[in-house]
């Protein structure tokens, strides 16, 4: 019987991201993929990488590779009733706290290829042709036993018709095996929600038209969207089928939705040379729990929803980041097992909110009710441009970018009692710029890229000797694996040590709302564990002790 710490089932973006995080955290794992060969490039459906996901990928030095392989979204054009309503530009002021203000259009298979390349660089590999068949959870101790059927040998040759069975013992299993997750079914976890009645066609094809090369959304009696791919004039096309089409068609072609395109898209449009065409239905569902004992769910195994805003792949990859460091802490005996409960407490509400939001937007986009169509087209044509002009859509852009995901109700975060700033425990730690003592500009998120906790002291203009004493006192009772960073105003540039940082214009202090010296404890996933003024540092000590004993 083979053993490992974490068994990952499914090698899509979520499974690969989890593998990268575990490798970075020095946690033994195996990652299984039921398909005997890599998934074909031309049939992958997920498309967008949002700013928050790019921030997390930057910790593996692959964000720029993905940006180079895809295309940045600088604007999105919305049409209603063949009239251009507005053109939303990116980035706006709402993206000023990240170095990745633009979403990226990048085919899922290209994302997987880059993730896999980094995993191999870390020394990991995918076990292709390895299908989970059943699991058994231990009753008296932590762990789970999995029975796996391997249909492909190490050389890629089929061993026999039934394959070779292997029994694997692991502390934890994480199901990243998609919407039809076998892990979820074997764990007895319900997948509740609804199926949408509309039918859709998805295709990658060349488009000849008079419109500029950027994402386009067209709405009237039906809905279609065009997303430019990296090829010269190739687009991902997402088209709603209407009742006028033959719903019994089994092999769809471009001709099946050409009438819809002609009715929705103004001007000459010719679609040709498809790489693939597929018909599908949409569903919105969520697992009623993300964990049963030693079994966890992540990605599409835990939640699925309409493709509005391109949230799905990002949501799954961020599930993986949230879970990985918590598994590592428990496996390394540096945190109690109770920290694993915060995975469901933090990530499930995020997915629930995204499902509710995407369902509402999808119902507006896809309605064919004449009254609702008229009202939507009127509002989009006359009200939406005004809202965009006066920056009323900023909050929506932040939500779509996933920069505003917060875990304020999590049992694993806290906020000092007298802290009045807008940032709270559980919020994403925003990015800004400081200088090291050599005068080089660095981003804040670069400073806490290592997979440990970081206590960031925003010292302002206090005496560096006092700040050093605060650090020494902190190290007496805090984890030895916590890094301490100190940031000062530029007036003290000639007095601080070479390991400290300077906030030359005070913007980093302002970004965190520190009008007086304060501190932020940043988790390995880049969210705030605890925040407060330096005078409340004793509260942090009490909170850390409480977390250790929970």
Protein backbone atom coordinates (compact mmCIF):
# COMPACT_ATOMS: atom_id res chain seq x y z
CA UNK A 1 0.00 0.00 0.00
CA UNK A 2 1.38 3.38 -1.07
CA UNK A 3 0.98 6.43 1.14
CA UNK A 4 1.05 10.19 0.71
CA UNK A 5 -0.09 13.24 2.63
CA UNK A 6 -2.56 14.62 0.09
CA UNK A 7 -4.18 12.80 -2.83
CA UNK A 8 -5.45 15.22 -5.49
CA UNK A 9 -8.09 13.81 -7.84
CA UNK A 10 -8.30 15.80 -11.07
CA UNK A 11 -5.58 17.68 -12.94
CA UNK A 12 -7.45 20.67 -14.31
CA UNK A 13 -6.53 24.24 -13.27
CA UNK A 14 -7.78 23.70 -9.71
CA UNK A 15 -5.90 20.43 -9.17
CA UNK A 16 -2.73 21.80 -10.74
CA UNK A 17 -2.89 24.96 -8.64
CA UNK A 18 -3.30 22.88 -5.50
CA UNK A 19 -0.32 20.75 -6.52
CA UNK A 20 1.82 23.87 -7.07
CA UNK A 21 0.87 25.27 -3.68
CA UNK A 22 1.56 21.98 -1.87
CA UNK A 23 4.91 21.63 -3.63
CA UNK A 24 5.79 25.16 -2.55
CA UNK A 25 4.77 24.29 1.00
CA UNK A 26 6.82 21.05 0.96
CA UNK A 27 3.80 18.77 1.42
CA UNK A 28 4.00 15.29 -0.22
CA UNK A 29 1.16 14.71 -2.67
CA UNK A 30 0.04 12.74 -5.70
CA UNK A 31 -2.19 14.13 -8.44
CA UNK A 32 -4.37 11.77 -10.49
CA UNK A 33 -6.06 12.38 -13.83
CA UNK A 34 -8.53 9.82 -15.19
CA UNK A 35 -7.88 10.71 -18.83
CA UNK A 36 -5.01 8.71 -20.30
CA UNK A 37 -3.81 11.67 -22.37
CA UNK A 38 -3.67 15.40 -21.88
CA UNK A 39 -6.93 17.16 -22.65
CA UNK A 40 -7.14 18.53 -26.21
CA UNK A 41 -6.24 22.18 -26.60
CA UNK A 42 -9.16 23.07 -28.82
CA UNK A 43 -11.99 21.90 -26.58
CA UNK A 44 -11.27 23.70 -23.32
CA UNK A 45 -14.05 26.03 -22.22
CA UNK A 46 -12.76 28.30 -19.44
CA UNK A 47 -11.24 31.48 -20.77
CA UNK A 48 -10.57 34.29 -18.28
CA UNK A 49 -7.91 34.93 -15.67
CA UNK A 50 -8.79 37.79 -13.35
CA UNK A 51 -6.45 40.15 -11.46
CA UNK A 52 -6.65 38.32 -8.12
CA UNK A 53 -5.75 34.99 -9.71
CA UNK A 54 -2.80 36.59 -11.50
CA UNK A 55 -1.56 37.94 -8.16
CA UNK A 56 -1.55 34.43 -6.74
CA UNK A 57 0.10 32.97 -9.83
CA UNK A 58 2.84 35.59 -9.60
CA UNK A 59 4.09 33.83 -6.46
CA UNK A 60 5.10 30.96 -8.77
CA UNK A 61 6.65 33.35 -11.31
CA UNK A 62 4.21 32.34 -14.05
CA UNK A 63 1.78 35.29 -14.16
CA UNK A 64 3.79 37.01 -16.87
CA UNK A 65 3.98 33.78 -18.89
CA UNK A 66 0.19 33.59 -18.84
CA UNK A 67 -0.14 37.25 -19.79
CA UNK A 68 2.21 36.70 -22.72
CA UNK A 69 0.27 33.61 -23.82
CA UNK A 70 -3.10 35.37 -23.65
CA UNK A 71 -4.42 38.83 -24.38
CA UNK A 72 -5.23 41.64 -21.97
CA UNK A 73 -8.79 42.92 -21.73
CA UNK A 74 -8.65 46.69 -22.17
CA UNK A 75 -12.32 47.23 -22.95
CA UNK A 76 -15.64 45.42 -23.29
CA UNK A 77 -18.40 46.60 -25.65
CA UNK A 78 -22.07 46.05 -24.81
CA UNK A 79 -24.84 46.16 -27.43
CA UNK A 80 -28.60 46.02 -26.90
CA UNK A 81 -30.98 45.87 -29.82
CA UNK A 82 -28.01 46.33 -32.19
CA UNK A 83 -27.17 49.67 -30.54
CA UNK A 84 -23.81 50.20 -28.82
CA UNK A 85 -24.68 51.04 -25.21
CA UNK A 86 -21.25 51.61 -23.74
CA UNK A 87 -17.63 50.58 -23.92
CA UNK A 88 -16.20 49.80 -20.50
CA UNK A 89 -12.47 50.49 -20.26
CA UNK A 90 -9.88 48.79 -18.07
CA UNK A 91 -8.14 49.50 -15.87
CA UNK A 92 -9.95 52.17 -13.91
CA UNK A 93 -9.22 53.84 -10.61
CA UNK A 94 -10.81 50.84 -8.92
CA UNK A 95 -7.78 48.72 -9.90
CA UNK A 96 -5.07 50.99 -8.49
CA UNK A 97 -4.06 48.55 -5.71
CA UNK A 98 -2.81 45.75 -7.96
CA UNK A 99 -0.05 45.37 -10.53
CA UNK A 100 -2.43 43.23 -12.60
CA UNK A 101 -5.32 45.60 -13.38
CA UNK A 102 -6.42 43.79 -16.53
CA UNK A 103 -8.16 40.47 -16.91
CA UNK A 104 -6.50 38.06 -19.33
CA UNK A 105 -8.21 36.01 -22.02
CA UNK A 106 -6.28 32.76 -22.08
CA UNK A 107 -7.49 29.35 -23.18
CA UNK A 108 -7.83 26.92 -20.28
CA UNK A 109 -5.55 24.39 -21.94
CA UNK A 110 -2.79 27.00 -22.24
CA UNK A 111 -3.26 27.78 -18.55
CA UNK A 112 -2.95 24.08 -17.73
CA UNK A 113 0.15 23.76 -19.91
CA UNK A 114 1.93 26.58 -18.05
CA UNK A 115 0.83 25.29 -14.65
CA UNK A 116 2.05 21.80 -15.54
CA UNK A 117 5.39 23.18 -16.71
CA UNK A 118 5.89 24.86 -13.34
CA UNK A 119 4.79 21.70 -11.50
CA UNK A 120 7.39 19.66 -13.39
CA UNK A 121 9.96 22.32 -12.54
CA UNK A 122 9.06 21.73 -8.88
CA UNK A 123 9.59 18.00 -9.39
CA UNK A 124 5.94 16.98 -9.57
CA UNK A 125 4.01 15.08 -12.22
CA UNK A 126 0.46 14.10 -13.18
CA UNK A 127 -0.45 10.42 -13.09
CA UNK A 128 -2.48 10.15 -16.30
CA UNK A 129 -4.93 7.31 -16.85
CA UNK A 130 -5.46 6.94 -13.08
CA UNK A 131 -9.10 6.73 -12.06
CA UNK A 132 -10.41 6.79 -8.50
CA UNK A 133 -12.87 3.94 -7.91
CA UNK A 134 -13.76 4.07 -4.22
CA UNK A 135 -12.67 5.52 -0.90
CA UNK A 136 -12.90 4.47 2.72
CA UNK A 137 -12.51 6.86 5.61
CA UNK A 138 -10.90 5.61 8.78
CA UNK A 139 -13.10 5.73 11.85
CA UNK A 140 -10.53 5.80 14.63
CA UNK A 141 -7.82 7.98 13.12
CA UNK A 142 -7.34 10.63 10.49
CA UNK A 143 -6.88 9.47 6.94
CA UNK A 144 -8.60 7.94 3.97
CA UNK A 145 -7.92 4.88 1.81
CA UNK A 146 -8.43 5.16 -1.95
CA UNK A 147 -8.64 2.45 -4.58
CA UNK A 148 -7.25 3.67 -7.90
CA UNK A 149 -7.31 1.97 -11.31
CA UNK A 150 -4.31 2.77 -13.51
CA UNK A 151 -4.95 2.15 -17.22
CA UNK A 152 -1.65 3.52 -18.45
CA UNK A 153 1.85 2.44 -17.54
CA UNK A 154 4.73 4.82 -16.95
CA UNK A 155 5.71 4.41 -20.59
CA UNK A 156 2.20 5.35 -21.71
CA UNK A 157 1.23 1.83 -22.80
CA UNK A 158 -1.97 0.08 -21.71
CA UNK A 159 -1.13 -2.79 -19.34
CA UNK A 160 -4.33 -4.74 -19.74
CA UNK A 161 -8.02 -4.29 -20.39
CA UNK A 162 -8.94 -3.71 -16.76
CA UNK A 163 -5.76 -1.90 -15.76
CA UNK A 164 -3.85 -2.22 -12.49
CA UNK A 165 -5.45 -1.46 -9.14
CA UNK A 166 -3.49 0.39 -6.47
CA UNK A 167 -4.47 1.11 -2.89
CA UNK A 168 -3.32 4.52 -1.67
CA UNK A 169 -3.40 5.68 1.95
CA UNK A 170 -3.47 9.45 2.44
CA UNK A 171 -4.18 11.87 5.21
CA UNK A 172 -6.45 13.89 2.93
CA UNK A 173 -8.16 13.59 -0.45
CA UNK A 174 -9.12 16.69 -2.42
CA UNK A 175 -11.68 16.26 -5.19
CA UNK A 176 -10.82 18.60 -8.06
CA UNK A 177 -12.56 16.32 -10.54
CA UNK A 178 -15.14 18.65 -12.01
CA UNK A 179 -18.91 19.05 -12.06
CA UNK A 180 -19.53 15.29 -12.18
CA UNK A 181 -17.11 14.72 -9.30
CA UNK A 182 -16.78 11.11 -8.23
CA UNK A 183 -15.10 12.23 -5.00
CA UNK A 184 -18.19 14.27 -4.15
CA UNK A 185 -20.48 11.33 -4.86
CA UNK A 186 -18.37 8.87 -2.88
CA UNK A 187 -18.33 11.28 0.07
CA UNK A 188 -22.12 11.53 -0.06
CA UNK A 189 -22.11 15.30 -0.48
CA UNK A 190 -25.23 16.81 -2.07
CA UNK A 191 -24.87 19.13 -5.06
CA UNK A 192 -27.90 21.39 -4.90
CA UNK A 193 -29.07 24.02 -7.35
CA UNK A 194 -30.84 24.28 -10.67
CA UNK A 195 -30.44 23.79 -14.40
CA UNK A 196 -31.13 26.68 -16.77
CA UNK A 197 -33.68 25.96 -19.53
CA UNK A 198 -31.79 27.80 -22.27
CA UNK A 199 -29.62 25.96 -24.76
CA UNK A 200 -26.30 27.35 -25.90
CA UNK A 201 -23.72 26.78 -28.59
CA UNK A 202 -20.01 27.28 -27.96
CA UNK A 203 -17.45 27.56 -30.73
CA UNK A 204 -13.94 28.73 -31.55
CA UNK A 205 -14.04 30.18 -35.05
CA UNK A 206 -12.70 32.95 -37.26
CA UNK A 207 -14.83 36.10 -37.41
CA UNK A 208 -14.73 38.69 -40.19
CA UNK A 209 -16.54 41.86 -39.16
CA UNK A 210 -16.24 45.62 -38.81
CA UNK A 211 -15.95 45.71 -35.01
CA UNK A 212 -12.74 46.29 -33.06
CA UNK A 213 -10.87 43.36 -31.54
CA UNK A 214 -12.14 43.15 -27.97
CA UNK A 215 -14.86 41.26 -26.06
CA UNK A 216 -18.37 42.01 -27.35
CA UNK A 217 -21.73 41.23 -25.73
CA UNK A 218 -24.88 41.44 -27.87
CA UNK A 219 -28.38 41.27 -26.40
CA UNK A 220 -31.88 41.46 -27.79
CA UNK A 221 -34.19 38.46 -28.18
CA UNK A 222 -31.32 36.21 -27.26
CA UNK A 223 -27.72 36.69 -26.24
CA UNK A 224 -24.33 36.12 -27.82
CA UNK A 225 -20.79 36.99 -26.82
CA UNK A 226 -17.48 37.14 -28.68
CA UNK A 227 -14.10 36.87 -26.93
CA UNK A 228 -10.91 37.33 -29.00
CA UNK A 229 -8.38 34.51 -28.79
CA UNK A 230 -4.67 34.83 -29.41
CA UNK A 231 -4.97 33.77 -33.05
CA UNK A 232 -5.35 36.60 -35.57
CA UNK A 233 -9.11 36.74 -36.08
CA UNK A 234 -10.30 33.78 -34.02
CA UNK A 235 -12.94 34.25 -31.32
CA UNK A 236 -14.61 32.18 -28.65
CA UNK A 237 -18.33 32.48 -29.49
CA UNK A 238 -21.04 31.87 -26.92
CA UNK A 239 -24.52 31.91 -28.47
CA UNK A 240 -27.97 31.34 -27.01
CA UNK A 241 -30.21 29.09 -29.06
CA UNK A 242 -33.78 30.20 -29.65
CA UNK A 243 -37.00 28.28 -30.14
CA UNK A 244 -36.75 28.74 -33.90
CA UNK A 245 -33.84 26.32 -34.05
CA UNK A 246 -34.17 22.57 -34.35
CA UNK A 247 -33.53 21.41 -30.80
CA UNK A 248 -33.14 17.79 -31.88
CA UNK A 249 -29.89 18.52 -33.69
CA UNK A 250 -27.13 16.20 -32.48
CA UNK A 251 -24.14 17.54 -34.41
CA UNK A 252 -24.28 21.31 -34.34
CA UNK A 253 -22.57 23.42 -36.99
CA UNK A 254 -22.01 27.12 -37.58
CA UNK A 255 -25.17 27.19 -39.66
CA UNK A 256 -27.20 26.36 -36.55
CA UNK A 257 -26.57 29.76 -34.99
CA UNK A 258 -25.87 31.98 -38.01
CA UNK A 259 -29.47 33.36 -37.90
CA UNK A 260 -28.98 34.34 -34.24
CA UNK A 261 -25.74 36.15 -35.05
CA UNK A 262 -27.32 38.00 -37.96
CA UNK A 263 -30.23 39.12 -35.75
CA UNK A 264 -28.03 40.36 -32.90
CA UNK A 265 -24.81 41.70 -34.44
CA UNK A 266 -24.98 44.93 -36.46
CA UNK A 267 -23.10 45.13 -39.74
CA UNK A 268 -21.47 42.47 -41.85
CA UNK A 269 -20.38 39.39 -39.92
CA UNK A 270 -18.92 36.21 -41.38
CA UNK A 271 -18.06 33.26 -39.14
CA UNK A 272 -15.93 30.48 -40.62
CA UNK A 273 -13.14 27.94 -40.06
CA UNK A 274 -14.29 26.60 -36.70
CA UNK A 275 -11.86 24.63 -34.54
CA UNK A 276 -14.79 23.08 -32.73
CA UNK A 277 -18.52 23.58 -32.16
CA UNK A 278 -20.44 22.21 -29.20
CA UNK A 279 -23.93 22.45 -27.70
CA UNK A 280 -24.46 22.57 -23.95
CA UNK A 281 -26.74 23.53 -21.07
CA UNK A 282 -25.89 25.65 -18.05
CA UNK A 283 -26.28 24.75 -14.39
CA UNK A 284 -25.89 26.58 -11.08
CA UNK A 285 -25.07 24.25 -8.20
CA UNK A 286 -23.06 24.19 -5.00
CA UNK A 287 -21.99 21.40 -2.65
CA UNK A 288 -23.78 21.55 0.70
CA UNK A 289 -20.37 21.24 2.37
CA UNK A 290 -16.80 21.41 1.11
CA UNK A 291 -15.56 18.87 3.61
CA UNK A 292 -16.47 15.49 5.06
CA UNK A 293 -13.78 14.41 7.56
CA UNK A 294 -10.62 13.94 5.48
CA UNK A 295 -12.25 14.58 2.10
CA UNK A 296 -12.38 18.07 0.57
CA UNK A 297 -13.86 19.50 -2.61
CA UNK A 298 -12.52 22.35 -4.73
CA UNK A 299 -13.30 23.97 -8.08
CA UNK A 300 -16.17 22.67 -10.20
CA UNK A 301 -16.52 19.68 -7.89
CA UNK A 302 -17.73 22.17 -5.27
CA UNK A 303 -19.56 24.77 -7.37
CA UNK A 304 -20.69 25.47 -10.93
CA UNK A 305 -22.51 28.47 -12.39
CA UNK A 306 -23.19 30.38 -15.58
CA UNK A 307 -20.10 31.74 -17.39
CA UNK A 308 -21.05 35.41 -16.80
CA UNK A 309 -17.89 37.30 -15.92
CA UNK A 310 -15.60 34.31 -16.40
CA UNK A 311 -15.49 33.54 -12.68
CA UNK A 312 -15.34 29.72 -12.55
CA UNK A 313 -11.71 28.82 -13.25
CA UNK A 314 -10.54 31.67 -11.01
CA UNK A 315 -12.82 30.61 -8.19
CA UNK A 316 -11.46 27.05 -8.30
CA UNK A 317 -7.81 28.09 -8.37
CA UNK A 318 -8.38 30.36 -5.39
CA UNK A 319 -10.10 27.48 -3.56
CA UNK A 320 -6.85 25.59 -3.98
CA UNK A 321 -4.72 28.41 -2.59
CA UNK A 322 -7.01 28.82 0.41
CA UNK A 323 -6.94 25.12 1.25
CA UNK A 324 -3.27 24.34 0.61
CA UNK A 325 -1.64 26.38 3.36
CA UNK A 326 -4.14 25.11 5.92
CA UNK A 327 -3.43 21.49 5.01
CA UNK A 328 0.28 22.25 5.24
CA UNK A 329 -0.06 23.80 8.70
CA UNK A 330 -1.89 20.75 10.04
CA UNK A 331 0.44 18.26 8.35
CA UNK A 332 3.48 20.13 9.68
CA UNK A 333 1.89 20.33 13.16
CA UNK A 334 2.08 24.13 13.25
CA UNK A 335 -1.69 24.66 13.58
CA UNK A 336 -4.58 22.73 15.10
CA UNK A 337 -6.79 20.61 12.83
CA UNK A 338 -9.64 23.04 13.51
CA UNK A 339 -8.12 25.48 11.02
CA UNK A 340 -9.37 23.19 8.26
CA UNK A 341 -12.94 24.11 9.22
CA UNK A 342 -12.25 27.63 7.99
CA UNK A 343 -11.92 26.37 4.39
CA UNK A 344 -15.65 25.75 4.06
CA UNK A 345 -16.45 28.80 6.22
CA UNK A 346 -14.44 31.08 3.91
CA UNK A 347 -14.81 29.67 0.42
CA UNK A 348 -18.38 28.38 0.33
CA UNK A 349 -19.97 31.82 1.00
CA UNK A 350 -17.83 33.28 -1.79
CA UNK A 351 -19.13 30.70 -4.27
CA UNK A 352 -22.71 31.20 -3.08
CA UNK A 353 -22.46 34.95 -3.65
CA UNK A 354 -20.95 34.48 -7.11
CA UNK A 355 -23.67 32.00 -8.08
CA UNK A 356 -26.39 34.45 -6.97
CA UNK A 357 -24.74 37.32 -8.82
CA UNK A 358 -24.05 35.47 -12.06
CA UNK A 359 -27.56 34.02 -12.09
CA UNK A 360 -29.08 37.51 -11.79
CA UNK A 361 -26.92 38.93 -14.57
CA UNK A 362 -27.48 35.89 -16.76
CA UNK A 363 -31.26 36.20 -16.42
CA UNK A 364 -31.02 39.83 -17.58
CA UNK A 365 -28.79 38.97 -20.54
CA UNK A 366 -30.70 35.91 -21.73
CA UNK A 367 -34.35 36.90 -21.25
CA UNK A 368 -36.67 36.67 -24.26
CA UNK A 369 -39.70 38.14 -22.48
CA UNK A 370 -40.72 41.10 -24.71
CA UNK A 371 -41.37 43.51 -21.83
CA UNK A 372 -38.13 42.59 -20.06
CA UNK A 373 -36.19 42.82 -23.33
CA UNK A 374 -37.54 46.35 -23.96
CA UNK A 375 -36.82 47.48 -20.41
CA UNK A 376 -33.30 46.01 -20.38
CA UNK A 377 -32.43 47.52 -23.78
CA UNK A 378 -33.72 50.92 -22.66
CA UNK A 379 -31.80 50.88 -19.40
CA UNK A 380 -28.61 49.58 -21.02
CA UNK A 381 -28.74 52.18 -23.78
CA UNK A 382 -29.61 55.25 -21.71
CA UNK A 383 -28.66 54.54 -18.08
CA UNK A 384 -25.61 52.26 -18.25
CA UNK A 385 -23.36 54.83 -20.00
CA UNK A 386 -24.23 57.37 -17.30
CA UNK A 387 -23.39 54.88 -14.53
CA UNK A 388 -20.07 54.08 -16.15
CA UNK A 389 -19.19 57.74 -16.75
CA UNK A 390 -19.71 58.59 -13.08
CA UNK A 391 -17.75 55.52 -11.87
CA UNK A 392 -20.87 53.90 -10.43
CA UNK A 393 -19.74 50.51 -11.76
CA UNK A 394 -16.45 50.49 -9.87
CA UNK A 395 -17.71 48.14 -7.16
CA UNK A 396 -18.98 45.70 -9.79
CA UNK A 397 -15.60 45.74 -11.52
CA UNK A 398 -13.86 45.00 -8.22
CA UNK A 399 -16.20 42.08 -7.56
CA UNK A 400 -15.67 40.67 -11.05
CA UNK A 401 -11.88 40.97 -10.67
CA UNK A 402 -12.20 38.99 -7.38
CA UNK A 403 -10.05 41.58 -5.63
CA UNK A 404 -12.82 42.28 -3.12
CA UNK A 405 -13.22 38.73 -1.82
CA UNK A 406 -13.21 38.88 1.96
CA UNK A 407 -13.58 36.39 4.81
CA UNK A 408 -14.79 38.72 7.55
CA UNK A 409 -16.96 36.02 9.18
CA UNK A 410 -14.22 33.39 9.22
CA UNK A 411 -13.18 31.88 12.55
CA UNK A 412 -9.55 32.18 11.39
CA UNK A 413 -9.33 36.01 11.18
CA UNK A 414 -9.69 38.92 13.58
CA UNK A 415 -9.58 42.71 13.98
CA UNK A 416 -8.36 44.81 16.91
CA UNK A 417 -11.27 46.12 18.98
CA UNK A 418 -10.52 49.83 18.55
CA UNK A 419 -9.46 49.64 14.92
CA UNK A 420 -11.58 52.05 12.83
CA UNK A 421 -10.08 51.51 9.38
CA UNK A 422 -12.09 50.08 6.49
CA UNK A 423 -9.74 47.10 6.09
CA UNK A 424 -10.67 44.21 8.36
CA UNK A 425 -9.39 40.75 9.16
CA UNK A 426 -10.21 38.46 6.23
CA UNK A 427 -9.82 41.13 3.54
CA UNK A 428 -7.31 40.75 0.75
CA UNK A 429 -4.12 42.61 1.63
CA UNK A 430 -4.00 45.34 -1.06
CA UNK A 431 -0.86 45.88 -3.09
CA UNK A 432 1.18 49.06 -3.18
CA UNK A 433 4.74 50.24 -3.63
CA UNK A 434 7.60 50.88 -1.21
CA UNK A 435 11.35 51.24 -1.55
CA UNK A 436 14.09 49.12 -0.07
CA UNK A 437 17.15 50.74 1.44
CA UNK A 438 18.94 50.58 -1.89
CA UNK A 439 16.29 52.85 -3.40
CA UNK A 440 14.67 50.10 -5.48
CA UNK A 441 10.88 50.12 -5.79
CA UNK A 442 9.18 46.86 -4.81
CA UNK A 443 5.55 45.86 -4.41
CA UNK A 444 4.08 44.98 -1.04
CA UNK A 445 2.86 41.61 -2.27
CA UNK A 446 6.41 40.78 -3.33
CA UNK A 447 7.48 41.27 0.30
CA UNK A 448 5.10 38.61 1.60
CA UNK A 449 5.42 36.14 -1.26
CA UNK A 450 7.07 33.45 0.92
CA UNK A 451 4.55 30.79 2.12
CA UNK A 452 4.58 31.91 5.78
CA UNK A 453 2.83 34.50 7.91
CA UNK A 454 4.17 38.05 7.66
CA UNK A 455 3.77 40.66 10.38
CA UNK A 456 4.02 44.01 8.59
CA UNK A 457 4.75 46.93 10.92
CA UNK A 458 3.71 50.27 9.40
CA UNK A 459 6.01 52.28 11.65
CA UNK A 460 5.43 55.76 10.22
CA UNK A 461 7.90 58.11 11.87
CA UNK A 462 8.48 56.31 15.16
CA UNK A 463 12.04 55.79 16.36
CA UNK A 464 13.52 52.71 14.60
CA UNK A 465 14.92 51.51 17.95
CA UNK A 466 11.39 51.38 19.36
CA UNK A 467 10.23 49.39 16.30
CA UNK A 468 13.16 46.99 16.74
CA UNK A 469 12.14 46.44 20.36
CA UNK A 470 8.57 45.75 19.26
CA UNK A 471 9.86 43.16 16.81
CA UNK A 472 12.04 41.48 19.46
CA UNK A 473 9.11 41.32 21.86
CA UNK A 474 6.88 39.84 19.14
CA UNK A 475 9.40 37.11 18.37
CA UNK A 476 9.33 35.97 22.03
CA UNK A 477 5.74 34.76 21.78
CA UNK A 478 5.03 34.42 18.05
CA UNK A 479 5.75 31.55 15.68
CA UNK A 480 9.41 31.41 14.63
CA UNK A 481 8.19 30.95 11.05
CA UNK A 482 6.60 34.43 10.97
CA UNK A 483 8.53 37.02 8.99
CA UNK A 484 8.57 40.61 10.28
CA UNK A 485 8.68 43.56 7.87
CA UNK A 486 9.04 47.21 8.91
CA UNK A 487 7.99 50.16 6.75
CA UNK A 488 8.87 53.76 7.65
CA UNK A 489 8.20 57.24 6.29
CA UNK A 490 10.99 58.67 4.13
CA UNK A 491 12.04 61.10 6.88
CA UNK A 492 13.75 58.16 8.60
CA UNK A 493 15.46 56.77 5.49
CA UNK A 494 18.96 57.41 6.87
CA UNK A 495 18.21 55.78 10.25
CA UNK A 496 16.65 52.42 9.41
CA UNK A 497 18.41 49.10 8.90
CA UNK A 498 19.16 47.62 5.49
CA UNK A 499 16.33 45.08 5.85
CA UNK A 500 13.66 47.75 6.36
CA UNK A 501 11.55 49.58 3.79
CA UNK A 502 10.65 53.19 3.07
CA UNK A 503 7.22 54.55 2.13
CA UNK A 504 8.45 57.68 0.30
CA UNK A 505 5.10 59.39 -0.25
CA UNK A 506 3.13 57.76 2.56
CA UNK A 507 0.79 56.04 0.12
CA UNK A 508 1.35 52.56 1.54
CA UNK A 509 0.38 53.76 5.02
CA UNK A 510 -2.68 55.48 3.54
CA UNK A 511 -3.60 52.36 1.57
CA UNK A 512 -3.93 50.48 4.85
CA UNK A 513 -5.58 53.49 6.57
CA UNK A 514 -2.77 53.93 9.11
CA UNK A 515 -2.84 57.56 10.25
CA UNK A 516 -0.78 56.33 13.22
CA UNK A 517 1.62 53.35 13.40
CA UNK A 518 -0.09 50.01 12.94
CA UNK A 519 0.38 46.39 11.97
CA UNK A 520 -1.05 43.80 9.60
CA UNK A 521 -0.60 40.04 9.95
CA UNK A 522 -0.77 38.62 6.41
CA UNK A 523 -1.55 34.95 5.78
CA UNK A 524 0.20 32.77 3.18
CA UNK A 525 -2.76 33.29 0.79
CA UNK A 526 -2.37 37.07 0.91
CA UNK A 527 -5.39 37.78 3.11
CA UNK A 528 -5.27 39.68 6.40
CA UNK A 529 -5.30 37.51 9.51
CA UNK A 530 -5.36 40.43 11.93
CA UNK A 531 -5.06 44.22 11.75
CA UNK A 532 -4.80 47.03 14.29
CA UNK A 533 -2.76 49.96 15.57
CA UNK A 534 0.61 49.26 17.21
CA UNK A 535 -0.84 50.16 20.60
CA UNK A 536 -3.12 47.09 20.28
CA UNK A 537 -0.35 44.58 19.53
CA UNK A 538 -1.17 42.81 22.79
CA UNK A 539 -4.56 41.87 21.32
CA UNK A 540 -2.77 40.09 18.50
CA UNK A 541 -0.88 37.98 21.04
CA UNK A 542 -4.12 36.95 22.74
CA UNK A 543 -5.74 36.17 19.37
CA UNK A 544 -2.80 34.02 18.21
CA UNK A 545 -2.86 32.04 21.46
CA UNK A 546 -6.61 31.53 21.11
CA UNK A 547 -6.15 30.27 17.54
CA UNK A 548 -3.44 27.83 18.65
CA UNK A 549 -5.71 26.38 21.34
CA UNK A 550 -8.90 26.19 19.28
